[in-house]
Amino acid sequence: MRFPFIPLFLLALPFLEIAGFVIVGGEIGVLATLALVVAGGLAGALLLRAQGFGLLSRVRSEVDAGRDPGQELANGVMMLAAGLLLLLPGFVTDGLGLLLLLPPVRRMAWRFLKSRVVVSTAGFAGFSRTRPGGRGDGGRTIDLDADEYRNDPQPESPWRRIDRD
């Protein structure tokens, strides 16, 4: 078992969130607690929207410049995760989301993930260009000649779309 604490944390998270609601609600009141939960959800939704639109363009610019988009992609995914955590109701998830918003935390997470994650741009629409220097995607490119490619529909194909009226 590599990460035994993750399933345990996921099982304990609802209890931690309920305890957080009880503690915060006891200190500031029910309406203020609900207002904080709604404000956190709105902040998460706004962050998701802003980061979602910008992530693909930043990754594309890194690829177009011939640089490895791994760090930019990881930063974007961590920002999206922060938005999702803020969107979830609860103070524990909001705290984790706020931590992911901090650049030093994201840099530390990137250093941890860098050696464990391989970023390949070969599967993304529009990103499957060969990098400068002639290095491609490690030999996974399928090259068809003109006589190997057929554009005529095959009626017996299970992938053929059947239009129903």
N, C-alpha and C. Protein backbone atom coordinates (compact mmCIF):
# COMPACT_ATOMS: atom_id res chain seq x y z
N MET A 1 0.83 -1.17 0.00
CA MET A 1 0.00 0.00 0.00
C MET A 1 0.88 1.24 0.00
N ARG A 2 0.78 2.03 -1.05
CA ARG A 2 1.65 3.18 -1.18
C ARG A 2 1.14 4.38 -0.39
N PHE A 3 -0.15 4.68 -0.47
CA PHE A 3 -0.72 5.85 0.20
C PHE A 3 -1.90 5.42 1.06
N PRO A 4 -1.68 4.77 2.18
CA PRO A 4 -2.81 4.31 2.98
C PRO A 4 -3.57 5.44 3.65
N PHE A 5 -2.98 6.64 3.73
CA PHE A 5 -3.66 7.74 4.40
C PHE A 5 -4.73 8.39 3.52
N ILE A 6 -4.65 8.24 2.20
CA ILE A 6 -5.64 8.89 1.33
C ILE A 6 -7.03 8.30 1.51
N PRO A 7 -7.22 6.98 1.44
CA PRO A 7 -8.57 6.45 1.69
C PRO A 7 -9.08 6.78 3.09
N LEU A 8 -8.18 6.74 4.07
CA LEU A 8 -8.57 7.07 5.43
C LEU A 8 -9.01 8.53 5.52
N PHE A 9 -8.27 9.42 4.86
CA PHE A 9 -8.63 10.84 4.85
C PHE A 9 -9.98 11.06 4.17
N LEU A 10 -10.22 10.36 3.05
CA LEU A 10 -11.50 10.52 2.35
C LEU A 10 -12.67 10.01 3.19
N LEU A 11 -12.44 8.98 4.00
CA LEU A 11 -13.49 8.50 4.89
C LEU A 11 -13.71 9.46 6.06
N ALA A 12 -12.65 10.09 6.53
CA ALA A 12 -12.75 11.00 7.67
C ALA A 12 -13.21 12.40 7.27
N LEU A 13 -13.09 12.76 6.00
CA LEU A 13 -13.39 14.12 5.56
C LEU A 13 -14.81 14.58 5.91
N PRO A 14 -15.85 13.80 5.67
CA PRO A 14 -17.19 14.28 6.06
C PRO A 14 -17.30 14.58 7.55
N PHE A 15 -16.67 13.75 8.39
CA PHE A 15 -16.72 13.99 9.83
C PHE A 15 -15.96 15.26 10.20
N LEU A 16 -14.81 15.48 9.54
CA LEU A 16 -14.05 16.70 9.79
C LEU A 16 -14.85 17.93 9.37
N GLU A 17 -15.53 17.84 8.22
CA GLU A 17 -16.34 18.97 7.74
C GLU A 17 -17.50 19.25 8.69
N ILE A 18 -18.17 18.22 9.17
CA ILE A 18 -19.29 18.42 10.11
C ILE A 18 -18.77 19.04 11.41
N ALA A 19 -17.64 18.55 11.89
CA ALA A 19 -17.06 19.14 13.10
C ALA A 19 -16.70 20.60 12.87
N GLY A 20 -16.18 20.91 11.68
CA GLY A 20 -15.87 22.31 11.35
C GLY A 20 -17.11 23.18 11.33
N PHE A 21 -18.20 22.67 10.76
CA PHE A 21 -19.46 23.43 10.75
C PHE A 21 -19.95 23.69 12.18
N VAL A 22 -19.87 22.68 13.02
CA VAL A 22 -20.35 22.82 14.40
C VAL A 22 -19.50 23.84 15.16
N ILE A 23 -18.18 23.74 15.01
CA ILE A 23 -17.29 24.66 15.74
C ILE A 23 -17.46 26.09 15.26
N VAL A 24 -17.41 26.29 13.93
CA VAL A 24 -17.53 27.64 13.38
C VAL A 24 -18.93 28.19 13.64
N GLY A 25 -19.96 27.35 13.48
CA GLY A 25 -21.33 27.80 13.73
C GLY A 25 -21.54 28.19 15.19
N GLY A 26 -20.88 27.49 16.11
CA GLY A 26 -20.98 27.84 17.52
C GLY A 26 -20.30 29.16 17.84
N GLU A 27 -19.26 29.50 17.09
CA GLU A 27 -18.52 30.74 17.35
C GLU A 27 -19.14 31.96 16.69
N ILE A 28 -19.57 31.83 15.43
CA ILE A 28 -20.04 33.02 14.71
C ILE A 28 -21.52 32.98 14.36
N GLY A 29 -22.18 31.87 14.59
CA GLY A 29 -23.61 31.78 14.31
C GLY A 29 -23.88 31.07 12.99
N VAL A 30 -25.13 30.63 12.86
CA VAL A 30 -25.53 29.84 11.70
C VAL A 30 -25.50 30.65 10.41
N LEU A 31 -26.08 31.85 10.43
CA LEU A 31 -26.15 32.64 9.19
C LEU A 31 -24.77 33.05 8.69
N ALA A 32 -23.90 33.43 9.60
CA ALA A 32 -22.54 33.80 9.19
C ALA A 32 -21.79 32.58 8.65
N THR A 33 -22.02 31.41 9.25
CA THR A 33 -21.39 30.18 8.77
C THR A 33 -21.88 29.85 7.36
N LEU A 34 -23.19 29.95 7.14
CA LEU A 34 -23.74 29.70 5.80
C LEU A 34 -23.22 30.72 4.79
N ALA A 35 -23.07 31.98 5.22
CA ALA A 35 -22.53 33.01 4.33
C ALA A 35 -21.09 32.68 3.93
N LEU A 36 -20.29 32.18 4.88
CA LEU A 36 -18.92 31.78 4.57
C LEU A 36 -18.89 30.62 3.58
N VAL A 37 -19.77 29.66 3.76
CA VAL A 37 -19.82 28.50 2.86
C VAL A 37 -20.21 28.95 1.45
N VAL A 38 -21.21 29.84 1.35
CA VAL A 38 -21.64 30.34 0.03
C VAL A 38 -20.52 31.18 -0.60
N ALA A 39 -19.85 32.00 0.19
CA ALA A 39 -18.74 32.82 -0.35
C ALA A 39 -17.61 31.93 -0.85
N GLY A 40 -17.31 30.88 -0.12
CA GLY A 40 -16.27 29.94 -0.58
C GLY A 40 -16.67 29.26 -1.88
N GLY A 41 -17.93 28.88 -1.99
CA GLY A 41 -18.42 28.27 -3.23
C GLY A 41 -18.35 29.22 -4.41
N LEU A 42 -18.73 30.48 -4.20
CA LEU A 42 -18.65 31.47 -5.27
C LEU A 42 -17.20 31.73 -5.69
N ALA A 43 -16.32 31.82 -4.71
CA ALA A 43 -14.89 32.01 -5.03
C ALA A 43 -14.36 30.83 -5.83
N GLY A 44 -14.77 29.63 -5.46
CA GLY A 44 -14.33 28.45 -6.20
C GLY A 44 -14.86 28.44 -7.62
N ALA A 45 -16.12 28.83 -7.79
CA ALA A 45 -16.69 28.87 -9.14
C ALA A 45 -15.99 29.90 -10.01
N LEU A 46 -15.70 31.07 -9.46
CA LEU A 46 -15.00 32.10 -10.22
C LEU A 46 -13.58 31.66 -10.58
N LEU A 47 -12.91 31.01 -9.64
CA LEU A 47 -11.55 30.53 -9.89
C LEU A 47 -11.55 29.44 -10.96
N LEU A 48 -12.50 28.54 -10.90
CA LEU A 48 -12.61 27.49 -11.92
C LEU A 48 -12.82 28.10 -13.30
N ARG A 49 -13.68 29.07 -13.38
CA ARG A 49 -13.96 29.70 -14.67
C ARG A 49 -12.71 30.40 -15.22
N ALA A 50 -12.06 31.18 -14.38
CA ALA A 50 -10.88 31.93 -14.83
C ALA A 50 -9.74 31.00 -15.21
N GLN A 51 -9.46 30.01 -14.41
CA GLN A 51 -8.35 29.11 -14.67
C GLN A 51 -8.65 28.14 -15.81
N GLY A 52 -9.89 27.73 -15.93
CA GLY A 52 -10.25 26.78 -16.99
C GLY A 52 -10.02 27.35 -18.37
N PHE A 53 -10.38 28.62 -18.56
CA PHE A 53 -10.21 29.23 -19.87
C PHE A 53 -8.74 29.51 -20.19
N GLY A 54 -7.96 29.86 -19.18
CA GLY A 54 -6.57 30.22 -19.42
C GLY A 54 -5.61 29.05 -19.51
N LEU A 55 -5.99 27.91 -18.94
CA LEU A 55 -5.06 26.77 -18.87
C LEU A 55 -4.65 26.27 -20.25
N LEU A 56 -5.61 26.02 -21.11
CA LEU A 56 -5.26 25.48 -22.43
C LEU A 56 -4.43 26.45 -23.25
N SER A 57 -4.72 27.74 -23.15
CA SER A 57 -3.92 28.70 -23.93
C SER A 57 -2.49 28.78 -23.40
N ARG A 58 -2.30 28.68 -22.08
CA ARG A 58 -0.95 28.71 -21.54
C ARG A 58 -0.17 27.46 -21.93
N VAL A 59 -0.81 26.31 -21.89
CA VAL A 59 -0.14 25.07 -22.29
C VAL A 59 0.20 25.13 -23.77
N ARG A 60 -0.71 25.62 -24.59
CA ARG A 60 -0.45 25.73 -26.03
C ARG A 60 0.72 26.66 -26.31
N SER A 61 0.81 27.77 -25.59
CA SER A 61 1.93 28.69 -25.83
C SER A 61 3.26 28.06 -25.43
N GLU A 62 3.27 27.25 -24.37
CA GLU A 62 4.50 26.54 -23.98
C GLU A 62 4.92 25.54 -25.06
N VAL A 63 3.95 24.80 -25.59
CA VAL A 63 4.25 23.81 -26.63
C VAL A 63 4.71 24.51 -27.90
N ASP A 64 4.04 25.60 -28.28
CA ASP A 64 4.42 26.34 -29.48
C ASP A 64 5.83 26.91 -29.37
N ALA A 65 6.24 27.26 -28.14
CA ALA A 65 7.58 27.80 -27.93
C ALA A 65 8.63 26.68 -27.85
N GLY A 66 8.20 25.42 -27.89
CA GLY A 66 9.14 24.31 -27.85
C GLY A 66 9.58 23.94 -26.44
N ARG A 67 8.89 24.47 -25.44
CA ARG A 67 9.24 24.16 -24.05
C ARG A 67 8.33 23.06 -23.51
N ASP A 68 8.77 22.42 -22.46
CA ASP A 68 7.99 21.38 -21.79
C ASP A 68 6.83 22.04 -21.05
N PRO A 69 5.59 21.66 -21.35
CA PRO A 69 4.44 22.30 -20.70
C PRO A 69 4.09 21.70 -19.35
N GLY A 70 4.93 20.81 -18.84
CA GLY A 70 4.61 20.08 -17.62
C GLY A 70 4.32 20.97 -16.43
N GLN A 71 5.20 21.94 -16.15
CA GLN A 71 5.00 22.78 -14.97
C GLN A 71 3.77 23.65 -15.14
N GLU A 72 3.56 24.20 -16.31
CA GLU A 72 2.38 25.04 -16.55
C GLU A 72 1.11 24.21 -16.43
N LEU A 73 1.15 23.00 -16.95
CA LEU A 73 0.00 22.11 -16.86
C LEU A 73 -0.27 21.72 -15.41
N ALA A 74 0.77 21.42 -14.66
CA ALA A 74 0.61 21.06 -13.25
C ALA A 74 0.08 22.25 -12.44
N ASN A 75 0.60 23.45 -12.70
CA ASN A 75 0.10 24.64 -12.02
C ASN A 75 -1.38 24.85 -12.31
N GLY A 76 -1.75 24.69 -13.58
CA GLY A 76 -3.15 24.86 -13.95
C GLY A 76 -4.05 23.83 -13.30
N VAL A 77 -3.59 22.59 -13.27
CA VAL A 77 -4.39 21.53 -12.65
C VAL A 77 -4.51 21.78 -11.14
N MET A 78 -3.44 22.24 -10.51
CA MET A 78 -3.52 22.54 -9.08
C MET A 78 -4.45 23.71 -8.81
N MET A 79 -4.46 24.71 -9.70
CA MET A 79 -5.39 25.83 -9.55
C MET A 79 -6.83 25.36 -9.74
N LEU A 80 -7.05 24.48 -10.70
CA LEU A 80 -8.38 23.92 -10.89
C LEU A 80 -8.80 23.08 -9.68
N ALA A 81 -7.87 22.33 -9.12
CA ALA A 81 -8.17 21.56 -7.90
C ALA A 81 -8.49 22.50 -6.75
N ALA A 82 -7.78 23.61 -6.66
CA ALA A 82 -8.08 24.60 -5.61
C ALA A 82 -9.49 25.13 -5.80
N GLY A 83 -9.87 25.41 -7.04
CA GLY A 83 -11.23 25.89 -7.30
C GLY A 83 -12.28 24.86 -6.93
N LEU A 84 -12.01 23.60 -7.26
CA LEU A 84 -12.96 22.54 -6.90
C LEU A 84 -13.07 22.38 -5.39
N LEU A 85 -11.95 22.45 -4.70
CA LEU A 85 -11.98 22.33 -3.24
C LEU A 85 -12.72 23.50 -2.60
N LEU A 86 -12.56 24.70 -3.17
CA LEU A 86 -13.31 25.85 -2.66
C LEU A 86 -14.80 25.73 -2.97
N LEU A 87 -15.11 25.11 -4.07
CA LEU A 87 -16.50 24.94 -4.48
C LEU A 87 -17.25 23.98 -3.55
N LEU A 88 -16.55 22.99 -3.02
CA LEU A 88 -17.17 22.03 -2.11
C LEU A 88 -17.51 22.73 -0.79
N PRO A 89 -18.68 22.44 -0.23
CA PRO A 89 -19.01 23.08 1.05
C PRO A 89 -18.20 22.47 2.19
N GLY A 90 -17.59 23.31 2.97
CA GLY A 90 -16.83 22.85 4.12
C GLY A 90 -15.58 23.67 4.32
N PHE A 91 -15.14 23.72 5.56
CA PHE A 91 -13.99 24.55 5.89
C PHE A 91 -12.66 23.81 5.72
N VAL A 92 -12.65 22.51 5.84
CA VAL A 92 -11.41 21.74 5.63
C VAL A 92 -11.03 21.79 4.15
N THR A 93 -12.00 21.54 3.27
CA THR A 93 -11.71 21.60 1.83
C THR A 93 -11.37 23.02 1.40
N ASP A 94 -12.02 24.03 2.02
CA ASP A 94 -11.66 25.41 1.71
C ASP A 94 -10.22 25.71 2.12
N GLY A 95 -9.82 25.19 3.27
CA GLY A 95 -8.44 25.40 3.72
C GLY A 95 -7.44 24.75 2.78
N LEU A 96 -7.74 23.53 2.32
CA LEU A 96 -6.85 22.87 1.36
C LEU A 96 -6.82 23.63 0.04
N GLY A 97 -7.98 24.13 -0.40
CA GLY A 97 -8.04 24.91 -1.63
C GLY A 97 -7.24 26.20 -1.52
N LEU A 98 -7.35 26.87 -0.38
CA LEU A 98 -6.57 28.10 -0.18
C LEU A 98 -5.08 27.81 -0.15
N LEU A 99 -4.68 26.67 0.40
CA LEU A 99 -3.25 26.29 0.38
C LEU A 99 -2.75 26.12 -1.05
N LEU A 100 -3.58 25.49 -1.90
CA LEU A 100 -3.17 25.28 -3.29
C LEU A 100 -3.10 26.58 -4.08
N LEU A 101 -3.71 27.64 -3.58
CA LEU A 101 -3.62 28.93 -4.26
C LEU A 101 -2.26 29.59 -4.03
N LEU A 102 -1.54 29.17 -3.01
CA LEU A 102 -0.25 29.78 -2.70
C LEU A 102 0.84 29.25 -3.63
N PRO A 103 1.54 30.15 -4.34
CA PRO A 103 2.60 29.69 -5.27
C PRO A 103 3.68 28.83 -4.62
N PRO A 104 4.13 29.11 -3.38
CA PRO A 104 5.16 28.22 -2.80
C PRO A 104 4.66 26.79 -2.60
N VAL A 105 3.39 26.64 -2.27
CA VAL A 105 2.83 25.30 -2.09
C VAL A 105 2.77 24.58 -3.44
N ARG A 106 2.37 25.31 -4.49
CA ARG A 106 2.32 24.70 -5.83
C ARG A 106 3.72 24.33 -6.31
N ARG A 107 4.72 25.18 -6.04
CA ARG A 107 6.10 24.84 -6.43
C ARG A 107 6.59 23.60 -5.70
N MET A 108 6.27 23.50 -4.42
CA MET A 108 6.67 22.33 -3.65
C MET A 108 5.98 21.07 -4.19
N ALA A 109 4.71 21.19 -4.52
CA ALA A 109 3.98 20.05 -5.10
C ALA A 109 4.56 19.68 -6.46
N TRP A 110 4.96 20.68 -7.25
CA TRP A 110 5.56 20.40 -8.57
C TRP A 110 6.88 19.67 -8.41
N ARG A 111 7.70 20.07 -7.43
CA ARG A 111 8.97 19.36 -7.20
C ARG A 111 8.71 17.91 -6.81
N PHE A 112 7.65 17.67 -6.06
CA PHE A 112 7.31 16.31 -5.66
C PHE A 112 6.80 15.50 -6.85
N LEU A 113 5.99 16.13 -7.70
CA LEU A 113 5.37 15.42 -8.81
C LEU A 113 6.27 15.28 -10.04
N LYS A 114 7.24 16.17 -10.18
CA LYS A 114 8.04 16.24 -11.40
C LYS A 114 8.70 14.92 -11.78
N SER A 115 9.24 14.22 -10.82
CA SER A 115 9.91 12.96 -11.13
C SER A 115 8.95 11.79 -11.26
N ARG A 116 7.68 12.00 -10.88
CA ARG A 116 6.71 10.91 -10.89
C ARG A 116 5.72 11.00 -12.05
N VAL A 117 5.71 12.11 -12.79
CA VAL A 117 4.72 12.33 -13.84
C VAL A 117 5.44 12.58 -15.16
N VAL A 118 4.95 11.97 -16.23
CA VAL A 118 5.47 12.20 -17.57
C VAL A 118 4.37 12.90 -18.36
N VAL A 119 4.69 14.06 -18.92
CA VAL A 119 3.72 14.81 -19.69
C VAL A 119 3.98 14.55 -21.16
N SER A 120 2.97 14.04 -21.84
CA SER A 120 3.06 13.80 -23.27
C SER A 120 1.99 14.63 -23.96
N THR A 121 2.39 15.43 -24.93
CA THR A 121 1.43 16.27 -25.64
C THR A 121 0.92 15.60 -26.89
N ALA A 122 1.24 14.33 -27.09
CA ALA A 122 0.88 13.66 -28.33
C ALA A 122 -0.62 13.39 -28.44
N GLY A 123 -1.36 13.38 -27.36
CA GLY A 123 -2.77 13.04 -27.44
C GLY A 123 -3.69 14.23 -27.49
N PHE A 124 -3.19 15.43 -27.27
CA PHE A 124 -4.04 16.60 -27.23
C PHE A 124 -4.28 17.13 -28.63
N ALA A 125 -5.52 17.46 -28.93
CA ALA A 125 -5.86 18.02 -30.24
C ALA A 125 -5.11 19.34 -30.41
N GLY A 126 -4.37 19.45 -31.46
CA GLY A 126 -3.63 20.67 -31.73
C GLY A 126 -2.25 20.69 -31.09
N PHE A 127 -1.93 19.74 -30.22
CA PHE A 127 -0.65 19.75 -29.54
C PHE A 127 0.28 18.66 -30.04
N SER A 128 -0.10 17.91 -31.05
CA SER A 128 0.69 16.75 -31.46
C SER A 128 1.77 17.12 -32.47
N ARG A 129 2.50 18.17 -32.18
CA ARG A 129 3.60 18.58 -33.05
C ARG A 129 4.89 17.95 -32.54
N THR A 130 5.82 17.77 -33.44
CA THR A 130 7.13 17.27 -33.03
C THR A 130 7.92 18.43 -32.42
N ARG A 131 8.60 18.16 -31.35
CA ARG A 131 9.38 19.20 -30.70
C ARG A 131 10.59 19.56 -31.56
N PRO A 132 11.10 20.78 -31.38
CA PRO A 132 12.31 21.14 -32.10
C PRO A 132 13.44 20.18 -31.77
N GLY A 133 14.19 19.82 -32.77
CA GLY A 133 15.26 18.86 -32.59
C GLY A 133 14.90 17.50 -33.16
N GLY A 134 13.68 17.37 -33.68
CA GLY A 134 13.28 16.15 -34.34
C GLY A 134 12.79 15.06 -33.43
N ARG A 135 12.71 15.29 -32.14
CA ARG A 135 12.27 14.26 -31.21
C ARG A 135 10.75 14.23 -31.17
N GLY A 136 10.17 13.11 -31.49
CA GLY A 136 8.72 12.99 -31.52
C GLY A 136 8.18 12.42 -30.24
N ASP A 137 7.20 11.56 -30.36
CA ASP A 137 6.53 11.02 -29.18
C ASP A 137 7.01 9.61 -28.82
N GLY A 138 8.21 9.26 -29.17
CA GLY A 138 8.77 7.98 -28.76
C GLY A 138 8.34 6.82 -29.64
N GLY A 139 7.99 7.07 -30.91
CA GLY A 139 7.66 6.00 -31.82
C GLY A 139 6.22 5.55 -31.79
N ARG A 140 5.33 6.30 -31.19
CA ARG A 140 3.94 5.90 -31.13
C ARG A 140 3.11 6.53 -32.24
N THR A 141 3.73 7.15 -33.20
CA THR A 141 3.01 7.78 -34.30
C THR A 141 2.61 6.71 -35.30
N ILE A 142 1.36 6.78 -35.75
CA ILE A 142 0.87 5.86 -36.78
C ILE A 142 0.87 6.62 -38.09
N ASP A 143 1.65 6.12 -39.05
CA ASP A 143 1.77 6.76 -40.34
C ASP A 143 1.11 5.88 -41.39
N LEU A 144 0.06 6.39 -42.03
CA LEU A 144 -0.66 5.63 -43.05
C LEU A 144 -0.32 6.15 -44.44
N ASP A 145 -0.17 5.22 -45.37
CA ASP A 145 -0.04 5.60 -46.76
C ASP A 145 -1.43 5.84 -47.33
N ALA A 146 -1.48 6.42 -48.52
CA ALA A 146 -2.78 6.76 -49.13
C ALA A 146 -3.63 5.52 -49.37
N ASP A 147 -3.01 4.39 -49.71
CA ASP A 147 -3.80 3.18 -49.98
C ASP A 147 -4.24 2.46 -48.70
N GLU A 148 -3.67 2.84 -47.55
CA GLU A 148 -4.07 2.24 -46.28
C GLU A 148 -5.22 2.98 -45.60
N TYR A 149 -5.49 4.17 -46.05
CA TYR A 149 -6.55 4.99 -45.47
C TYR A 149 -7.78 4.92 -46.35
N ARG A 150 -8.92 4.62 -45.75
CA ARG A 150 -10.16 4.55 -46.52
C ARG A 150 -11.15 5.55 -45.96
N ASN A 151 -11.81 6.27 -46.84
CA ASN A 151 -12.78 7.27 -46.43
C ASN A 151 -14.21 6.81 -46.71
N ASP A 152 -14.38 5.64 -47.31
CA ASP A 152 -15.73 5.19 -47.62
C ASP A 152 -16.34 4.50 -46.39
N PRO A 153 -17.62 4.74 -46.13
CA PRO A 153 -18.25 4.16 -44.94
C PRO A 153 -18.41 2.65 -45.08
N GLN A 154 -18.22 1.97 -43.98
CA GLN A 154 -18.38 0.52 -43.93
C GLN A 154 -19.70 0.22 -43.22
N PRO A 155 -20.70 -0.30 -43.94
CA PRO A 155 -22.01 -0.51 -43.30
C PRO A 155 -21.98 -1.55 -42.19
N GLU A 156 -21.05 -2.49 -42.20
CA GLU A 156 -21.01 -3.52 -41.16
C GLU A 156 -20.16 -3.10 -39.96
N SER A 157 -19.58 -1.92 -39.98
CA SER A 157 -18.73 -1.47 -38.90
C SER A 157 -19.55 -1.18 -37.64
N PRO A 158 -19.09 -1.66 -36.48
CA PRO A 158 -19.81 -1.35 -35.24
C PRO A 158 -19.66 0.11 -34.84
N TRP A 159 -18.72 0.84 -35.45
CA TRP A 159 -18.50 2.24 -35.13
C TRP A 159 -19.34 3.17 -35.99
N ARG A 160 -20.05 2.60 -36.92
CA ARG A 160 -20.85 3.43 -37.84
C ARG A 160 -22.04 3.99 -37.06
N ARG A 161 -22.26 5.27 -37.26
CA ARG A 161 -23.37 5.95 -36.60
C ARG A 161 -24.66 5.61 -37.30
N ILE A 162 -25.65 5.23 -36.54
CA ILE A 162 -26.96 4.90 -37.10
C ILE A 162 -27.88 6.04 -36.78
N ASP A 163 -28.39 6.71 -37.81
CA ASP A 163 -29.32 7.81 -37.62
C ASP A 163 -30.72 7.25 -37.44
N ARG A 164 -31.33 7.62 -36.37
CA ARG A 164 -32.70 7.19 -36.11
C ARG A 164 -33.62 8.39 -36.23
N ASP A 165 -34.74 8.17 -36.88
CA ASP A 165 -35.71 9.27 -37.03
C ASP A 165 -36.72 9.27 -35.94
